[in-house]
Amino acid sequence: MTFPADDFLEMLVSPVYLAGSTGIGDPGLRPILDLDPVRDRDDLGNLRLRTRCGRVRVGFEPEQDWDTLWKIAVHRAGEVASPFDPPVWCANFSEDTPTEIVTAVTRTLADAIRTLPEDAELDADTLDEATYGDDGPLDVLWDHGWKAALSGGEWNAVSRDGHAIMSWQRRPIEAELAEQAGQDGRWYLGAGGQHLGWYGRFSSRTPLTVVTAATRTMTSPDPVRRWSGELSTLAHLHATVTRVPTPADLARPRPRPTAPLPRTASPVAGSRLAWTSTTPSPAPGRGRGR
């Protein structure tokens, strides 16, 4: 489609994995901000949040060495952890990740903090159902028609349009620092390929409940809103994009449909018209009876 030159038109983009980022961190941070966390902002504009219980840390870091914009780490309950202590599990997302996916993760954690005791661990033993198994996220993908296959100790699932992928590493992951830096992970999800698109990674021991929440949002066919000026290259190339009608569009009068003209039936062959301009000849008289 032809995209408008105006950068401030609201657009609807689907599917979510092709929508790109909203360009702001507020939606992804909001679930944690609602918990009144401890905030730390540096001179570069990087923002880090720590929940009062100390179990969850969220970083929104537009200025850093990697292209990892979002960093989410979960620590043991009751720990007074320093920023350098290894977390129980962590998740990282690149700068072009659809913000709705990050929000799905932070909302899941915020809901758990609200509903669980303060000393409860936010790990797989607590958050995952006993019968959940290892196929929760993969079940979501299969339900949306993704094709999955096991190759070399790794599950790979590809979307029907071929633009998105999710993988589950079964091999040993030795470099914990790489997981924490967002450069490796047990679960990988992304779209667009190298240098075009986005990626997210979940480390080992990430609860499947969290991964599944991100997967459901990623695969949602429901369109999400973006400004026309922030549409990613991926959205321009492959997404379904439509403009949200403006108030002026809705107020503009629409032409009324014209009523169809009545159809005139043709006379049936062999029938006599009820009216004619020709005077008929008189009928022959009948003879008188005698």
Foldseek 3Di string as FASTA:
>chain_A
DDFDPDQFFKKWWDDLQLFWAQQDQCLLCVLQVVQVFDWDADPVGKIWTAHPQRFKIWIQPPDDDDQFRIKIFGAAGPDPDDPPDHGLKIKTKGRGGYSVLSNLLSNLVSVCCVPDDSNDGQFQVPPPDPPCPDCLLVVLQVVQPWDWDDDPQKIWTAHPVRFKIKMAHRDDDDPSVCRNVQNDARIKIWGDDPPFTMIMHIHPRHHVVSVNSSSNSNSDGGIDMHGSNPGGPSRVPDIDMDTDDDPVNVPDDDDDDDDDDDDDDDDDPPDDDPDDPDDDDDDDDDDDDD
